Each structure stands twice: as C-alpha cells, then as structure tokens.
Amino acid sequence: QVQLVESGGGLVQAGGSLRLSCAASGRISSINTMGWYRQAPGKQRELVAPVTSGGSTNYVDSVKGRFTIFRDNTKNTEYLQINSLRPEDTAKYYCKADVLGFLRLTYWGQGTQVPVSS
C-alpha cells in the first residue's frame, strides 16, 4: 500500500507565501507524474500543476509566475511553493501521484487547507 501525506497548509494573508509538501511512502518502485490539485468551496477540483519524473512542469494560467512545483525523487516527495497568495487561491490542496509498486496505480493525499485572508 502507498500513502501520500501532505503538509504545509494553513491560514495566510494575501501576498504571503507557503510551501506545501507531499511525501509518498510504502511499496514504491518508482513514481511517474506527480501533481497538485485544488478544490475551492463550491467548485470542482482543478489541476494546478503536474511535474514529471524528469522534472518537466506545467501550470494552470491563474498560478503562472506565482506557484512553483518541484520534486525530490530521492525522497519520493513533491513540493508546491506558493507566492503572492490571493484570496481566490483559497482551497483545499491535494497531491496526486502515479506510482509503480506491485501495480501501477494513482494515489491521492488527504488534502491540506489553504485559506487566504484579504
């Protein structure tokens, strides 16, 4: 079994910064694409940014220039550096990972809240 554990969320003022972490543990041979998603109250979950095993990244337009996704493959951990936070960034942030263990499966973290006050 594989677990993803997120950390780093919390209340922050607009203009502030946070770093979210997501550590994968368990029966892992390798991890392909990892990513961060978010779900704001009353809205659908959206992809914020993926990062491949080779470090290639992409971002939803609303976060470009403010968010940075990166990973440490030696620690099976991905990160999301969030700068210049805006109230509209308020959401529950989830990490996702495509993991090759005994089988290739997709796993989700439990989510971490990021409320942004104006």
Protein backbone atom coordinates (compact mmCIF):
# COMPACT_ATOMS: atom_id res chain seq x y z
CA GLN A 1 0.00 0.00 0.00
CA VAL A 2 1.13 3.54 -0.75
CA GLN A 3 0.33 6.65 1.25
CA LEU A 4 0.65 10.30 0.32
CA VAL A 5 0.90 12.69 3.24
CA GLU A 6 0.61 16.44 2.66
CA SER A 7 1.80 19.17 4.97
CA GLY A 8 2.42 22.90 4.99
CA GLY A 9 -1.08 24.32 4.68
CA GLY A 10 -2.56 26.93 6.93
CA LEU A 11 -4.06 30.38 7.16
CA VAL A 12 -2.07 33.04 5.34
CA GLN A 13 -2.63 36.68 4.45
CA ALA A 14 -2.94 37.83 0.87
CA GLY A 15 0.50 38.45 -0.56
CA GLY A 16 2.07 35.82 1.67
CA SER A 17 3.80 32.56 0.85
CA LEU A 18 3.56 28.89 1.72
CA ARG A 19 5.33 25.70 0.78
CA LEU A 20 3.27 22.55 0.56
CA SER A 21 4.91 19.15 0.73
CA CYS A 22 3.65 15.71 -0.24
CA ALA A 23 5.62 12.66 0.80
CA ALA A 24 4.90 9.24 -0.67
CA SER A 25 5.67 6.11 1.32
CA GLY A 26 5.06 2.40 1.06
CA ARG A 27 5.71 -0.16 -1.64
CA ILE A 28 7.17 2.13 -4.32
CA SER A 29 9.39 1.13 -7.22
CA SER A 30 9.11 4.44 -8.99
CA ILE A 31 6.82 7.43 -9.30
CA ASN A 32 5.88 8.78 -12.69
CA THR A 33 3.94 12.04 -12.80
CA MET A 34 3.07 13.83 -9.58
CA GLY A 35 0.82 16.82 -9.31
CA TRP A 36 -1.07 19.29 -7.18
CA TYR A 37 -4.79 19.88 -7.44
CA ARG A 38 -7.06 22.21 -5.53
CA GLN A 39 -10.73 22.42 -4.79
CA ALA A 40 -12.32 25.67 -3.69
CA PRO A 41 -15.66 25.67 -1.83
CA GLY A 42 -18.50 25.00 -4.25
CA LYS A 43 -16.17 24.37 -7.19
CA GLN A 44 -14.76 21.36 -8.96
CA ARG A 45 -11.29 20.10 -8.27
CA GLU A 46 -8.79 21.56 -10.71
CA LEU A 47 -5.27 20.65 -11.72
CA VAL A 48 -2.83 23.30 -10.54
CA ALA A 49 0.42 21.84 -11.79
CA PRO A 50 1.96 18.48 -12.72
CA VAL A 51 5.63 17.50 -12.60
CA THR A 52 7.06 14.51 -14.43
CA SER A 53 9.76 12.22 -13.10
CA GLY A 54 12.20 14.17 -15.23
CA GLY A 55 11.15 17.49 -13.76
CA SER A 56 9.02 18.86 -16.58
CA THR A 57 6.27 21.10 -15.30
CA ASN A 58 3.14 22.89 -16.40
CA TYR A 59 0.82 25.34 -14.67
CA VAL A 60 -2.76 26.47 -14.88
CA ASP A 61 -2.83 30.05 -16.13
CA SER A 62 -4.11 31.52 -12.87
CA VAL A 63 -0.97 30.49 -10.95
CA LYS A 64 1.76 31.03 -13.53
CA GLY A 65 4.57 33.14 -12.15
CA ARG A 66 3.41 32.67 -8.55
CA PHE A 67 3.48 28.90 -7.96
CA THR A 68 6.42 26.56 -8.46
CA ILE A 69 6.16 22.79 -8.41
CA PHE A 70 9.22 20.63 -7.91
CA ARG A 71 10.12 17.22 -6.56
CA ASP A 72 12.89 15.30 -4.86
CA ASN A 73 12.93 11.83 -6.35
CA THR A 74 15.34 10.57 -3.68
CA LYS A 75 12.70 11.32 -1.07
CA ASN A 76 9.59 10.48 -3.14
CA THR A 77 8.37 13.97 -2.27
CA GLU A 78 6.89 16.80 -4.26
CA TYR A 79 6.53 20.41 -3.26
CA LEU A 80 4.45 23.41 -4.22
CA GLN A 81 5.96 26.78 -3.47
CA ILE A 82 3.16 29.33 -3.41
CA ASN A 83 3.99 33.04 -3.52
CA SER A 84 1.89 36.19 -3.80
CA LEU A 85 -1.17 34.40 -2.49
CA ARG A 86 -4.57 35.79 -3.39
CA PRO A 87 -7.94 35.25 -1.71
CA GLU A 88 -9.05 33.32 -4.79
CA ASP A 89 -6.30 30.77 -4.07
CA THR A 90 -8.29 29.67 -1.04
CA ALA A 91 -8.89 25.94 -1.46
CA LYS A 92 -8.08 22.51 -0.22
CA TYR A 93 -4.91 21.39 -1.97
CA TYR A 94 -4.39 17.74 -2.87
CA CYS A 95 -1.38 15.91 -4.18
CA LYS A 96 -1.59 13.06 -6.63
CA ALA A 97 0.99 10.54 -7.71
CA ASP A 98 1.19 7.87 -10.39
CA VAL A 99 3.05 5.13 -8.55
CA LEU A 100 4.60 1.92 -9.78
CA GLY A 101 4.65 -0.60 -6.96
CA PHE A 102 3.29 -4.08 -7.30
CA LEU A 103 0.86 -2.44 -9.74
CA ARG A 104 0.79 0.98 -11.38
CA LEU A 105 -1.87 2.95 -9.53
CA THR A 106 -2.83 6.55 -8.88
CA TYR A 107 -2.88 7.76 -5.30
CA TRP A 108 -4.25 10.90 -3.67
CA GLY A 109 -3.31 12.65 -0.48
CA GLN A 110 -5.87 13.63 2.11
CA GLY A 111 -5.64 17.32 1.27
CA THR A 112 -4.43 20.36 3.16
CA GLN A 113 -6.39 23.58 3.64
CA VAL A 114 -5.02 26.88 2.46
CA PRO A 115 -7.30 29.75 3.49
CA VAL A 116 -6.12 33.15 2.29
CA SER A 117 -7.38 36.23 4.10
CA SER A 118 -7.71 39.56 2.34
